[in-house]
Amino acid sequence: MRTGCNDLGAGVSDFSIDPELRIRGCPDRVLRRTNEVLNFVRQVARSATGRTWQDVLDRFEAIQDEWSAMEAVVHLELLLEAEGRLIEEKRREPLHRVEKKDLTPPGSRFSR
């Protein structure tokens, strides 16, 4: 999470999320700030059964600084991953090893 805070008043701070959260759904969502995540979590917590989403909501409502924001985002990421809803960044394929060719002409004084 990168530093970047907007004070929204009433003790609520809004932090940038970097990398952004990509959430699988209809439609997929991309959340870039903690206030966007807070609204998303509130919606999900209303219809969810059990305490899990309410616990995540409590963490986002209690954000006071960048550290507590990072902790809340990590807990949300773990929950989304467990539910199969976190879209992870695409990783690059490993580079294939390229075979080196000796391009010096035969009989050259620079040949290997």
PDB file of N, CA and C in Angstrom:
ATOM      1  N   MET A   1       0.850  -1.169   0.000  1.00  0.00           N
ATOM      2  CA  MET A   1       0.000   0.000   0.000  1.00  0.00           C
ATOM      3  C   MET A   1       0.890   1.223   0.000  1.00  0.00           C
ATOM      4  N   ARG A   2       0.598   2.120  -0.857  1.00  0.00           N
ATOM      5  CA  ARG A   2       1.401   3.317  -0.988  1.00  0.00           C
ATOM      6  C   ARG A   2       0.855   4.387  -0.059  1.00  0.00           C
ATOM      7  N   THR A   3       1.714   5.296   0.344  1.00  0.00           N
ATOM      8  CA  THR A   3       1.283   6.386   1.199  1.00  0.00           C
ATOM      9  C   THR A   3       0.418   7.325   0.390  1.00  0.00           C
ATOM     10  N   GLY A   4      -0.618   7.796   0.996  1.00  0.00           N
ATOM     11  CA  GLY A   4      -1.511   8.737   0.331  1.00  0.00           C
ATOM     12  C   GLY A   4      -2.811   8.736   1.087  1.00  0.00           C
ATOM     13  N   CYS A   5      -3.025   9.776   1.854  1.00  0.00           N
ATOM     14  CA  CYS A   5      -4.177   9.788   2.740  1.00  0.00           C
ATOM     15  C   CYS A   5      -5.011  11.027   2.477  1.00  0.00           C
ATOM     16  N   ASN A   6      -6.315  10.853   2.462  1.00  0.00           N
ATOM     17  CA  ASN A   6      -7.254  11.969   2.432  1.00  0.00           C
ATOM     18  C   ASN A   6      -8.080  11.865   3.693  1.00  0.00           C
ATOM     19  N   ASP A   7      -8.121  12.936   4.458  1.00  0.00           N
ATOM     20  CA  ASP A   7      -8.941  12.930   5.665  1.00  0.00           C
ATOM     21  C   ASP A   7     -10.360  13.275   5.263  1.00  0.00           C
ATOM     22  N   LEU A   8     -11.285  12.378   5.550  1.00  0.00           N
ATOM     23  CA  LEU A   8     -12.676  12.584   5.156  1.00  0.00           C
ATOM     24  C   LEU A   8     -13.513  13.195   6.276  1.00  0.00           C
ATOM     25  N   GLY A   9     -12.857  13.572   7.365  1.00  0.00           N
ATOM     26  CA  GLY A   9     -13.591  14.127   8.489  1.00  0.00           C
ATOM     27  C   GLY A   9     -14.154  13.019   9.366  1.00  0.00           C
ATOM     28  N   ALA A  10     -14.596  13.376  10.554  1.00  0.00           N
ATOM     29  CA  ALA A  10     -15.192  12.434  11.510  1.00  0.00           C
ATOM     30  C   ALA A  10     -14.262  11.257  11.796  1.00  0.00           C
ATOM     31  N   GLY A  11     -12.940  11.484  11.714  1.00  0.00           N
ATOM     32  CA  GLY A  11     -11.985  10.435  12.065  1.00  0.00           C
ATOM     33  C   GLY A  11     -11.782   9.371  11.006  1.00  0.00           C
ATOM     34  N   VAL A  12     -12.403   9.540   9.834  1.00  0.00           N
ATOM     35  CA  VAL A  12     -12.276   8.539   8.780  1.00  0.00           C
ATOM     36  C   VAL A  12     -11.203   8.998   7.797  1.00  0.00           C
ATOM     37  N   SER A  13     -10.214   8.151   7.539  1.00  0.00           N
ATOM     38  CA  SER A  13      -9.175   8.471   6.573  1.00  0.00           C
ATOM     39  C   SER A  13      -9.290   7.534   5.382  1.00  0.00           C
ATOM     40  N   ASP A  14      -8.905   8.031   4.218  1.00  0.00           N
ATOM     41  CA  ASP A  14      -8.979   7.267   2.984  1.00  0.00           C
ATOM     42  C   ASP A  14      -7.566   7.092   2.446  1.00  0.00           C
ATOM     43  N   PHE A  15      -7.143   5.840   2.233  1.00  0.00           N
ATOM     44  CA  PHE A  15      -5.797   5.535   1.781  1.00  0.00           C
ATOM     45  C   PHE A  15      -5.830   4.872   0.412  1.00  0.00           C
ATOM     46  N   SER A  16      -4.784   5.126  -0.364  1.00  0.00           N
ATOM     47  CA  SER A  16      -4.611   4.446  -1.643  1.00  0.00           C
ATOM     48  C   SER A  16      -4.253   2.995  -1.398  1.00  0.00           C
ATOM     49  N   ILE A  17      -4.694   2.118  -2.287  1.00  0.00           N
ATOM     50  CA  ILE A  17      -4.346   0.701  -2.223  1.00  0.00           C
ATOM     51  C   ILE A  17      -3.501   0.400  -3.457  1.00  0.00           C
ATOM     52  N   ASP A  18      -2.269  -0.035  -3.211  1.00  0.00           N
ATOM     53  CA  ASP A  18      -1.349  -0.302  -4.314  1.00  0.00           C
ATOM     54  C   ASP A  18      -0.570  -1.565  -4.005  1.00  0.00           C
ATOM     55  N   PRO A  19      -0.793  -2.670  -4.708  1.00  0.00           N
ATOM     56  CA  PRO A  19      -1.609  -2.751  -5.917  1.00  0.00           C
ATOM     57  C   PRO A  19      -3.099  -2.786  -5.571  1.00  0.00           C
ATOM     58  N   GLU A  20      -3.887  -2.335  -6.507  1.00  0.00           N
ATOM     59  CA  GLU A  20      -5.346  -2.296  -6.338  1.00  0.00           C
ATOM     60  C   GLU A  20      -5.903  -3.700  -6.133  1.00  0.00           C
ATOM     61  N   LEU A  21      -7.096  -3.763  -5.557  1.00  0.00           N
ATOM     62  CA  LEU A  21      -7.788  -5.051  -5.370  1.00  0.00           C
ATOM     63  C   LEU A  21      -8.699  -5.306  -6.562  1.00  0.00           C
ATOM     64  N   ARG A  22      -8.552  -6.466  -7.150  1.00  0.00           N
ATOM     65  CA  ARG A  22      -9.422  -6.881  -8.256  1.00  0.00           C
ATOM     66  C   ARG A  22     -10.278  -8.024  -7.732  1.00  0.00           C
ATOM     67  N   ILE A  23     -11.597  -7.817  -7.792  1.00  0.00           N
ATOM     68  CA  ILE A  23     -12.530  -8.751  -7.173  1.00  0.00           C
ATOM     69  C   ILE A  23     -13.428  -9.348  -8.236  1.00  0.00           C
ATOM     70  N   ARG A  24     -13.494 -10.682  -8.236  1.00  0.00           N
ATOM     71  CA  ARG A  24     -14.320 -11.432  -9.180  1.00  0.00           C
ATOM     72  C   ARG A  24     -15.787 -11.283  -8.765  1.00  0.00           C
ATOM     73  N   GLY A  25     -16.630 -11.010  -9.725  1.00  0.00           N
ATOM     74  CA  GLY A  25     -18.058 -10.883  -9.453  1.00  0.00           C
ATOM     75  C   GLY A  25     -18.791 -10.544 -10.725  1.00  0.00           C
ATOM     76  N   CYS A  26     -20.023 -10.106 -10.591  1.00  0.00           N
ATOM     77  CA  CYS A  26     -20.827  -9.691 -11.737  1.00  0.00           C
ATOM     78  C   CYS A  26     -21.233  -8.244 -11.536  1.00  0.00           C
ATOM     79  N   PRO A  27     -20.560  -7.310 -12.050  1.00  0.00           N
ATOM     80  CA  PRO A  27     -19.309  -7.398 -12.810  1.00  0.00           C
ATOM     81  C   PRO A  27     -18.103  -7.463 -11.861  1.00  0.00           C
ATOM     82  N   ASP A  28     -16.926  -7.757 -12.426  1.00  0.00           N
ATOM     83  CA  ASP A  28     -15.696  -7.707 -11.647  1.00  0.00           C
ATOM     84  C   ASP A  28     -15.502  -6.272 -11.169  1.00  0.00           C
ATOM     85  N   ARG A  29     -14.835  -6.134 -10.017  1.00  0.00           N
ATOM     86  CA  ARG A  29     -14.603  -4.798  -9.463  1.00  0.00           C
ATOM     87  C   ARG A  29     -13.122  -4.551  -9.276  1.00  0.00           C
ATOM     88  N   VAL A  30     -12.738  -3.304  -9.392  1.00  0.00           N
ATOM     89  CA  VAL A  30     -11.381  -2.874  -9.088  1.00  0.00           C
ATOM     90  C   VAL A  30     -11.498  -1.788  -8.030  1.00  0.00           C
ATOM     91  N   LEU A  31     -10.873  -2.025  -6.881  1.00  0.00           N
ATOM     92  CA  LEU A  31     -10.939  -1.075  -5.773  1.00  0.00           C
ATOM     93  C   LEU A  31      -9.548  -0.502  -5.535  1.00  0.00           C
ATOM     94  N   ARG A  32      -9.463   0.822  -5.521  1.00  0.00           N
ATOM     95  CA  ARG A  32      -8.165   1.499  -5.436  1.00  0.00           C
ATOM     96  C   ARG A  32      -7.972   2.290  -4.146  1.00  0.00           C
ATOM     97  N   ARG A  33      -9.029   2.494  -3.387  1.00  0.00           N
ATOM     98  CA  ARG A  33      -8.943   3.300  -2.158  1.00  0.00           C
ATOM     99  C   ARG A  33      -9.723   2.606  -1.049  1.00  0.00           C
ATOM    100  N   THR A  34      -9.322   2.883   0.187  1.00  0.00           N
ATOM    101  CA  THR A  34      -9.974   2.203   1.310  1.00  0.00           C
ATOM    102  C   THR A  34     -11.444   2.595   1.455  1.00  0.00           C
ATOM    103  N   ASN A  35     -11.824   3.828   1.057  1.00  0.00           N
ATOM    104  CA  ASN A  35     -13.247   4.174   1.157  1.00  0.00           C
ATOM    105  C   ASN A  35     -14.086   3.382   0.152  1.00  0.00           C
ATOM    106  N   GLU A  36     -13.509   3.044  -1.023  1.00  0.00           N
ATOM    107  CA  GLU A  36     -14.211   2.196  -1.992  1.00  0.00           C
ATOM    108  C   GLU A  36     -14.392   0.791  -1.417  1.00  0.00           C
ATOM    109  N   VAL A  37     -13.344   0.295  -0.756  1.00  0.00           N
ATOM    110  CA  VAL A  37     -13.407  -1.035  -0.147  1.00  0.00           C
ATOM    111  C   VAL A  37     -14.434  -1.038   0.974  1.00  0.00           C
ATOM    112  N   LEU A  38     -14.456   0.016   1.777  1.00  0.00           N
ATOM    113  CA  LEU A  38     -15.413   0.104   2.878  1.00  0.00           C
ATOM    114  C   LEU A  38     -16.843  -0.006   2.358  1.00  0.00           C
ATOM    115  N   ASN A  39     -17.168   0.697   1.281  1.00  0.00           N
ATOM    116  CA  ASN A  39     -18.514   0.608   0.703  1.00  0.00           C
ATOM    117  C   ASN A  39     -18.809  -0.796   0.187  1.00  0.00           C
ATOM    118  N   PHE A  40     -17.828  -1.414  -0.469  1.00  0.00           N
ATOM    119  CA  PHE A  40     -17.986  -2.784  -0.970  1.00  0.00           C
ATOM    120  C   PHE A  40     -18.227  -3.759   0.183  1.00  0.00           C
ATOM    121  N   VAL A  41     -17.409  -3.674   1.222  1.00  0.00           N
ATOM    122  CA  VAL A  41     -17.523  -4.593   2.361  1.00  0.00           C
ATOM    123  C   VAL A  41     -18.859  -4.397   3.075  1.00  0.00           C
ATOM    124  N   ARG A  42     -19.318  -3.159   3.185  1.00  0.00           N
ATOM    125  CA  ARG A  42     -20.638  -2.913   3.802  1.00  0.00           C
ATOM    126  C   ARG A  42     -21.741  -3.638   3.032  1.00  0.00           C
ATOM    127  N   GLN A  43     -21.686  -3.571   1.695  1.00  0.00           N
ATOM    128  CA  GLN A  43     -22.697  -4.239   0.874  1.00  0.00           C
ATOM    129  C   GLN A  43     -22.667  -5.758   1.088  1.00  0.00           C
ATOM    130  N   VAL A  44     -21.468  -6.318   1.066  1.00  0.00           N
ATOM    131  CA  VAL A  44     -21.340  -7.769   1.207  1.00  0.00           C
ATOM    132  C   VAL A  44     -21.734  -8.210   2.615  1.00  0.00           C
ATOM    133  N   ALA A  45     -21.327  -7.454   3.621  1.00  0.00           N
ATOM    134  CA  ALA A  45     -21.604  -7.828   5.018  1.00  0.00           C
ATOM    135  C   ALA A  45     -23.106  -7.841   5.305  1.00  0.00           C
ATOM    136  N   ARG A  46     -23.858  -6.960   4.632  1.00  0.00           N
ATOM    137  CA  ARG A  46     -25.315  -6.930   4.841  1.00  0.00           C
ATOM    138  C   ARG A  46     -25.982  -8.243   4.459  1.00  0.00           C
ATOM    139  N   SER A  47     -25.492  -8.879   3.397  1.00  0.00           N
ATOM    140  CA  SER A  47     -26.147 -10.090   2.918  1.00  0.00           C
ATOM    141  C   SER A  47     -25.429 -11.375   3.341  1.00  0.00           C
ATOM    142  N   ALA A  48     -24.263 -11.255   3.965  1.00  0.00           N
ATOM    143  CA  ALA A  48     -23.486 -12.445   4.341  1.00  0.00           C
ATOM    144  C   ALA A  48     -23.991 -13.018   5.660  1.00  0.00           C
ATOM    145  N   THR A  49     -23.896 -14.332   5.757  1.00  0.00           N
ATOM    146  CA  THR A  49     -24.211 -14.978   7.022  1.00  0.00           C
ATOM    147  C   THR A  49     -22.902 -15.217   7.762  1.00  0.00           C
ATOM    148  N   GLY A  50     -22.978 -15.264   9.059  1.00  0.00           N
ATOM    149  CA  GLY A  50     -21.764 -15.476   9.845  1.00  0.00           C
ATOM    150  C   GLY A  50     -21.086 -14.158  10.176  1.00  0.00           C
ATOM    151  N   ARG A  51     -19.979 -14.248  10.898  1.00  0.00           N
ATOM    152  CA  ARG A  51     -19.276 -13.067  11.405  1.00  0.00           C
ATOM    153  C   ARG A  51     -18.106 -12.610  10.542  1.00  0.00           C
ATOM    154  N   THR A  52     -17.680 -13.416   9.595  1.00  0.00           N
ATOM    155  CA  THR A  52     -16.435 -13.148   8.871  1.00  0.00           C
ATOM    156  C   THR A  52     -16.436 -11.781   8.201  1.00  0.00           C
ATOM    157  N   TRP A  53     -17.455 -11.489   7.418  1.00  0.00           N
ATOM    158  CA  TRP A  53     -17.515 -10.211   6.717  1.00  0.00           C
ATOM    159  C   TRP A  53     -17.721  -9.048   7.682  1.00  0.00           C
ATOM    160  N   GLN A  54     -18.451  -9.281   8.760  1.00  0.00           N
ATOM    161  CA  GLN A  54     -18.643  -8.230   9.762  1.00  0.00           C
ATOM    162  C   GLN A  54     -17.316  -7.885  10.428  1.00  0.00           C
ATOM    163  N   ASP A  55     -16.480  -8.900  10.676  1.00  0.00           N
ATOM    164  CA  ASP A  55     -15.154  -8.653  11.253  1.00  0.00           C
ATOM    165  C   ASP A  55     -14.295  -7.796  10.319  1.00  0.00           C
ATOM    166  N   VAL A  56     -14.346  -8.093   9.020  1.00  0.00           N
ATOM    167  CA  VAL A  56     -13.592  -7.296   8.048  1.00  0.00           C
ATOM    168  C   VAL A  56     -14.143  -5.864   8.018  1.00  0.00           C
ATOM    169  N   LEU A  57     -15.452  -5.734   8.049  1.00  0.00           N
ATOM    170  CA  LEU A  57     -16.072  -4.412   8.075  1.00  0.00           C
ATOM    171  C   LEU A  57     -15.612  -3.624   9.304  1.00  0.00           C
ATOM    172  N   ASP A  58     -15.593  -4.277  10.458  1.00  0.00           N
ATOM    173  CA  ASP A  58     -15.139  -3.609  11.690  1.00  0.00           C
ATOM    174  C   ASP A  58     -13.718  -3.083  11.537  1.00  0.00           C
ATOM    175  N   ARG A  59     -12.855  -3.866  10.877  1.00  0.00           N
ATOM    176  CA  ARG A  59     -11.459  -3.438  10.671  1.00  0.00           C
ATOM    177  C   ARG A  59     -11.404  -2.180   9.789  1.00  0.00           C
ATOM    178  N   PHE A  60     -12.204  -2.148   8.721  1.00  0.00           N
ATOM    179  CA  PHE A  60     -12.187  -0.978   7.840  1.00  0.00           C
ATOM    180  C   PHE A  60     -12.792   0.245   8.521  1.00  0.00           C
ATOM    181  N   GLU A  61     -13.800   0.053   9.323  1.00  0.00           N
ATOM    182  CA  GLU A  61     -14.397   1.186  10.035  1.00  0.00           C
ATOM    183  C   GLU A  61     -13.470   1.731  11.120  1.00  0.00           C
ATOM    184  N   ALA A  62     -12.519   0.915  11.580  1.00  0.00           N
ATOM    185  CA  ALA A  62     -11.592   1.320  12.641  1.00  0.00           C
ATOM    186  C   ALA A  62     -10.272   1.880  12.101  1.00  0.00           C
ATOM    187  N   ILE A  63     -10.133   2.040  10.783  1.00  0.00           N
ATOM    188  CA  ILE A  63      -8.880   2.548  10.211  1.00  0.00           C
ATOM    189  C   ILE A  63      -8.602   3.951  10.745  1.00  0.00           C
ATOM    190  N   GLN A  64      -7.378   4.096  11.288  1.00  0.00           N
ATOM    191  CA  GLN A  64      -6.959   5.403  11.794  1.00  0.00           C
ATOM    192  C   GLN A  64      -5.658   5.885  11.169  1.00  0.00           C
ATOM    193  N   ASP A  65      -4.889   4.953  10.623  1.00  0.00           N
ATOM    194  CA  ASP A  65      -3.604   5.318  10.045  1.00  0.00           C
ATOM    195  C   ASP A  65      -3.268   4.328   8.938  1.00  0.00           C
ATOM    196  N   GLU A  66      -2.139   4.562   8.281  1.00  0.00           N
ATOM    197  CA  GLU A  66      -1.758   3.713   7.156  1.00  0.00           C
ATOM    198  C   GLU A  66      -1.559   2.258   7.583  1.00  0.00           C
ATOM    199  N   TRP A  67      -1.007   2.055   8.779  1.00  0.00           N
ATOM    200  CA  TRP A  67      -0.757   0.691   9.257  1.00  0.00           C
ATOM    201  C   TRP A  67      -2.074  -0.078   9.429  1.00  0.00           C
ATOM    202  N   SER A  68      -3.056   0.526  10.067  1.00  0.00           N
ATOM    203  CA  SER A  68      -4.335  -0.167  10.259  1.00  0.00           C
ATOM    204  C   SER A  68      -5.046  -0.368   8.916  1.00  0.00           C
ATOM    205  N   ALA A  69      -4.824   0.539   7.966  1.00  0.00           N
ATOM    206  CA  ALA A  69      -5.391   0.364   6.623  1.00  0.00           C
ATOM    207  C   ALA A  69      -4.767  -0.847   5.938  1.00  0.00           C
ATOM    208  N   MET A  70      -3.437  -0.976   6.044  1.00  0.00           N
ATOM    209  CA  MET A  70      -2.761  -2.131   5.433  1.00  0.00           C
ATOM    210  C   MET A  70      -3.250  -3.433   6.051  1.00  0.00           C
ATOM    211  N   GLU A  71      -3.396  -3.463   7.368  1.00  0.00           N
ATOM    212  CA  GLU A  71      -3.877  -4.682   8.031  1.00  0.00           C
ATOM    213  C   GLU A  71      -5.278  -5.046   7.560  1.00  0.00           C
ATOM    214  N   ALA A  72      -6.145  -4.054   7.442  1.00  0.00           N
ATOM    215  CA  ALA A  72      -7.514  -4.314   6.997  1.00  0.00           C
ATOM    216  C   ALA A  72      -7.526  -4.865   5.572  1.00  0.00           C
ATOM    217  N   VAL A  73      -6.707  -4.296   4.705  1.00  0.00           N
ATOM    218  CA  VAL A  73      -6.640  -4.757   3.311  1.00  0.00           C
ATOM    219  C   VAL A  73      -6.125  -6.195   3.255  1.00  0.00           C
ATOM    220  N   VAL A  74      -5.119  -6.514   4.060  1.00  0.00           N
ATOM    221  CA  VAL A  74      -4.581  -7.880   4.070  1.00  0.00           C
ATOM    222  C   VAL A  74      -5.651  -8.872   4.521  1.00  0.00           C
ATOM    223  N   HIS A  75      -6.419  -8.531   5.546  1.00  0.00           N
ATOM    224  CA  HIS A  75      -7.486  -9.437   6.004  1.00  0.00           C
ATOM    225  C   HIS A  75      -8.549  -9.626   4.924  1.00  0.00           C
ATOM    226  N   LEU A  76      -8.872  -8.552   4.218  1.00  0.00           N
ATOM    227  CA  LEU A  76      -9.842  -8.673   3.125  1.00  0.00           C
ATOM    228  C   LEU A  76      -9.282  -9.554   2.013  1.00  0.00           C
ATOM    229  N   GLU A  77      -8.011  -9.355   1.658  1.00  0.00           N
ATOM    230  CA  GLU A  77      -7.394 -10.177   0.609  1.00  0.00           C
ATOM    231  C   GLU A  77      -7.441 -11.654   0.978  1.00  0.00           C
ATOM    232  N   LEU A  78      -7.150 -11.975   2.223  1.00  0.00           N
ATOM    233  CA  LEU A  78      -7.194 -13.376   2.668  1.00  0.00           C
ATOM    234  C   LEU A  78      -8.606 -13.951   2.545  1.00  0.00           C
ATOM    235  N   LEU A  79      -9.603 -13.172   2.935  1.00  0.00           N
ATOM    236  CA  LEU A  79     -10.985 -13.631   2.839  1.00  0.00           C
ATOM    237  C   LEU A  79     -11.402 -13.817   1.378  1.00  0.00           C
ATOM    238  N   LEU A  80     -11.074 -12.850   0.527  1.00  0.00           N
ATOM    239  CA  LEU A  80     -11.421 -12.962  -0.893  1.00  0.00           C
ATOM    240  C   LEU A  80     -10.720 -14.152  -1.537  1.00  0.00           C
ATOM    241  N   GLU A  81      -9.464 -14.368  -1.168  1.00  0.00           N
ATOM    242  CA  GLU A  81      -8.716 -15.496  -1.719  1.00  0.00           C
ATOM    243  C   GLU A  81      -9.342 -16.816  -1.274  1.00  0.00           C
ATOM    244  N   ALA A  82      -9.733 -16.905  -0.009  1.00  0.00           N
ATOM    245  CA  ALA A  82     -10.362 -18.124   0.503  1.00  0.00           C
ATOM    246  C   ALA A  82     -11.689 -18.408  -0.199  1.00  0.00           C
ATOM    247  N   GLU A  83     -12.392 -17.356  -0.601  1.00  0.00           N
ATOM    248  CA  GLU A  83     -13.669 -17.515  -1.293  1.00  0.00           C
ATOM    249  C   GLU A  83     -13.509 -17.634  -2.809  1.00  0.00           C
ATOM    250  N   GLY A  84     -12.279 -17.548  -3.292  1.00  0.00           N
ATOM    251  CA  GLY A  84     -12.032 -17.640  -4.729  1.00  0.00           C
ATOM    252  C   GLY A  84     -12.455 -16.407  -5.492  1.00  0.00           C
ATOM    253  N   ARG A  85     -12.506 -15.258  -4.826  1.00  0.00           N
ATOM    254  CA  ARG A  85     -12.984 -14.031  -5.464  1.00  0.00           C
ATOM    255  C   ARG A  85     -11.879 -13.029  -5.763  1.00  0.00           C
ATOM    256  N   LEU A  86     -10.667 -13.283  -5.288  1.00  0.00           N
ATOM    257  CA  LEU A  86      -9.561 -12.368  -5.535  1.00  0.00           C
ATOM    258  C   LEU A  86      -8.937 -12.673  -6.889  1.00  0.00           C
ATOM    259  N   ILE A  87      -8.870 -11.680  -7.742  1.00  0.00           N
ATOM    260  CA  ILE A  87      -8.224 -11.830  -9.038  1.00  0.00           C
ATOM    261  C   ILE A  87      -6.795 -11.358  -8.855  1.00  0.00           C
ATOM    262  N   GLU A  88      -5.863 -12.284  -8.942  1.00  0.00           N
ATOM    263  CA  GLU A  88      -4.471 -11.925  -8.731  1.00  0.00           C
ATOM    264  C   GLU A  88      -3.872 -11.400 -10.013  1.00  0.00           C
ATOM    265  N   GLU A  89      -2.862 -10.549  -9.860  1.00  0.00           N
ATOM    266  CA  GLU A  89      -2.190 -10.000 -11.033  1.00  0.00           C
ATOM    267  C   GLU A  89      -1.595 -11.130 -11.843  1.00  0.00           C
ATOM    268  N   LYS A  90      -1.657 -10.967 -13.156  1.00  0.00           N
ATOM    269  CA  LYS A  90      -1.067 -11.977 -14.033  1.00  0.00           C
ATOM    270  C   LYS A  90       0.439 -11.908 -13.904  1.00  0.00           C
ATOM    271  N   ARG A  91       1.028 -13.040 -13.722  1.00  0.00           N
ATOM    272  CA  ARG A  91       2.472 -13.101 -13.601  1.00  0.00           C
ATOM    273  C   ARG A  91       3.070 -13.378 -14.975  1.00  0.00           C
ATOM    274  N   ARG A  92       4.219 -12.815 -15.207  1.00  0.00           N
ATOM    275  CA  ARG A  92       4.904 -13.061 -16.476  1.00  0.00           C
ATOM    276  C   ARG A  92       5.436 -14.474 -16.498  1.00  0.00           C
ATOM    277  N   GLU A  93       5.417 -15.038 -17.679  1.00  0.00           N
ATOM    278  CA  GLU A  93       6.008 -16.360 -17.862  1.00  0.00           C
ATOM    279  C   GLU A  93       7.519 -16.240 -17.703  1.00  0.00           C
ATOM    280  N   PRO A  94       8.140 -17.237 -17.104  1.00  0.00           N
ATOM    281  CA  PRO A  94       9.594 -17.160 -16.988  1.00  0.00           C
ATOM    282  C   PRO A  94      10.234 -17.146 -18.373  1.00  0.00           C
ATOM    283  N   LEU A  95      11.316 -16.422 -18.479  1.00  0.00           N
ATOM    284  CA  LEU A  95      12.012 -16.354 -19.756  1.00  0.00           C
ATOM    285  C   LEU A  95      12.686 -17.689 -20.038  1.00  0.00           C
ATOM    286  N   HIS A  96      12.631 -18.108 -21.284  1.00  0.00           N
ATOM    287  CA  HIS A  96      13.293 -19.344 -21.672  1.00  0.00           C
ATOM    288  C   HIS A  96      14.763 -19.054 -21.939  1.00  0.00           C
ATOM    289  N   ARG A  97      15.567 -19.975 -21.562  1.00  0.00           N
ATOM    290  CA  ARG A  97      17.001 -19.794 -21.762  1.00  0.00           C
ATOM    291  C   ARG A  97      17.324 -19.844 -23.259  1.00  0.00           C
ATOM    292  N   VAL A  98      18.062 -18.865 -23.699  1.00  0.00           N
ATOM    293  CA  VAL A  98      18.434 -18.781 -25.107  1.00  0.00           C
ATOM    294  C   VAL A  98      19.823 -19.379 -25.265  1.00  0.00           C
ATOM    295  N   GLU A  99      19.921 -20.267 -26.241  1.00  0.00           N
ATOM    296  CA  GLU A  99      21.212 -20.892 -26.498  1.00  0.00           C
ATOM    297  C   GLU A  99      22.099 -19.903 -27.240  1.00  0.00           C
ATOM    298  N   LYS A 100      23.317 -19.700 -26.729  1.00  0.00           N
ATOM    299  CA  LYS A 100      24.245 -18.766 -27.369  1.00  0.00           C
ATOM    300  C   LYS A 100      24.921 -19.446 -28.547  1.00  0.00           C
ATOM    301  N   LYS A 101      25.040 -18.699 -29.631  1.00  0.00           N
ATOM    302  CA  LYS A 101      25.708 -19.220 -30.819  1.00  0.00           C
ATOM    303  C   LYS A 101      26.995 -18.427 -31.038  1.00  0.00           C
ATOM    304  N   ASP A 102      28.008 -19.136 -31.436  1.00  0.00           N
ATOM    305  CA  ASP A 102      29.277 -18.486 -31.764  1.00  0.00           C
ATOM    306  C   ASP A 102      29.183 -18.000 -33.201  1.00  0.00           C
ATOM    307  N   LEU A 103      29.203 -16.684 -33.376  1.00  0.00           N
ATOM    308  CA  LEU A 103      29.034 -16.100 -34.698  1.00  0.00           C
ATOM    309  C   LEU A 103      30.352 -15.696 -35.351  1.00  0.00           C
ATOM    310  N   THR A 104      31.479 -15.991 -34.707  1.00  0.00           N
ATOM    311  CA  THR A 104      32.757 -15.644 -35.324  1.00  0.00           C
ATOM    312  C   THR A 104      33.029 -16.594 -36.479  1.00  0.00           C
ATOM    313  N   PRO A 105      33.567 -16.074 -37.571  1.00  0.00           N
ATOM    314  CA  PRO A 105      33.843 -16.908 -38.727  1.00  0.00           C
ATOM    315  C   PRO A 105      34.921 -17.958 -38.404  1.00  0.00           C
ATOM    316  N   PRO A 106      34.822 -19.142 -39.022  1.00  0.00           N
ATOM    317  CA  PRO A 106      35.822 -20.160 -38.778  1.00  0.00           C
ATOM    318  C   PRO A 106      37.207 -19.655 -39.200  1.00  0.00           C
ATOM    319  N   GLY A 107      38.187 -19.985 -38.400  1.00  0.00           N
ATOM    320  CA  GLY A 107      39.565 -19.600 -38.689  1.00  0.00           C
ATOM    321  C   GLY A 107      39.884 -18.183 -38.267  1.00  0.00           C
ATOM    322  N   SER A 108      38.924 -17.468 -37.682  1.00  0.00           N
ATOM    323  CA  SER A 108      39.177 -16.102 -37.236  1.00  0.00           C
ATOM    324  C   SER A 108      40.102 -16.122 -36.036  1.00  0.00           C
ATOM    325  N   ARG A 109      40.928 -15.123 -35.909  1.00  0.00           N
ATOM    326  CA  ARG A 109      41.813 -15.074 -34.752  1.00  0.00           C
ATOM    327  C   ARG A 109      41.036 -14.786 -33.468  1.00  0.00           C
ATOM    328  N   PHE A 110      39.740 -14.419 -33.585  1.00  0.00           N
ATOM    329  CA  PHE A 110      38.908 -14.137 -32.411  1.00  0.00           C
ATOM    330  C   PHE A 110      38.012 -15.318 -32.042  1.00  0.00           C
ATOM    331  N   SER A 111      38.144 -16.425 -32.722  1.00  0.00           N
ATOM    332  CA  SER A 111      37.252 -17.557 -32.436  1.00  0.00           C
ATOM    333  C   SER A 111      37.503 -18.088 -31.026  1.00  0.00           C
ATOM    334  N   ARG A 112      36.518 -18.738 -30.534  1.00  0.00           N
ATOM    335  CA  ARG A 112      36.576 -19.234 -29.139  1.00  0.00           C
ATOM    336  C   ARG A 112      37.178 -20.572 -29.088  1.00  0.00           C
TER     337      ARG A 112
END
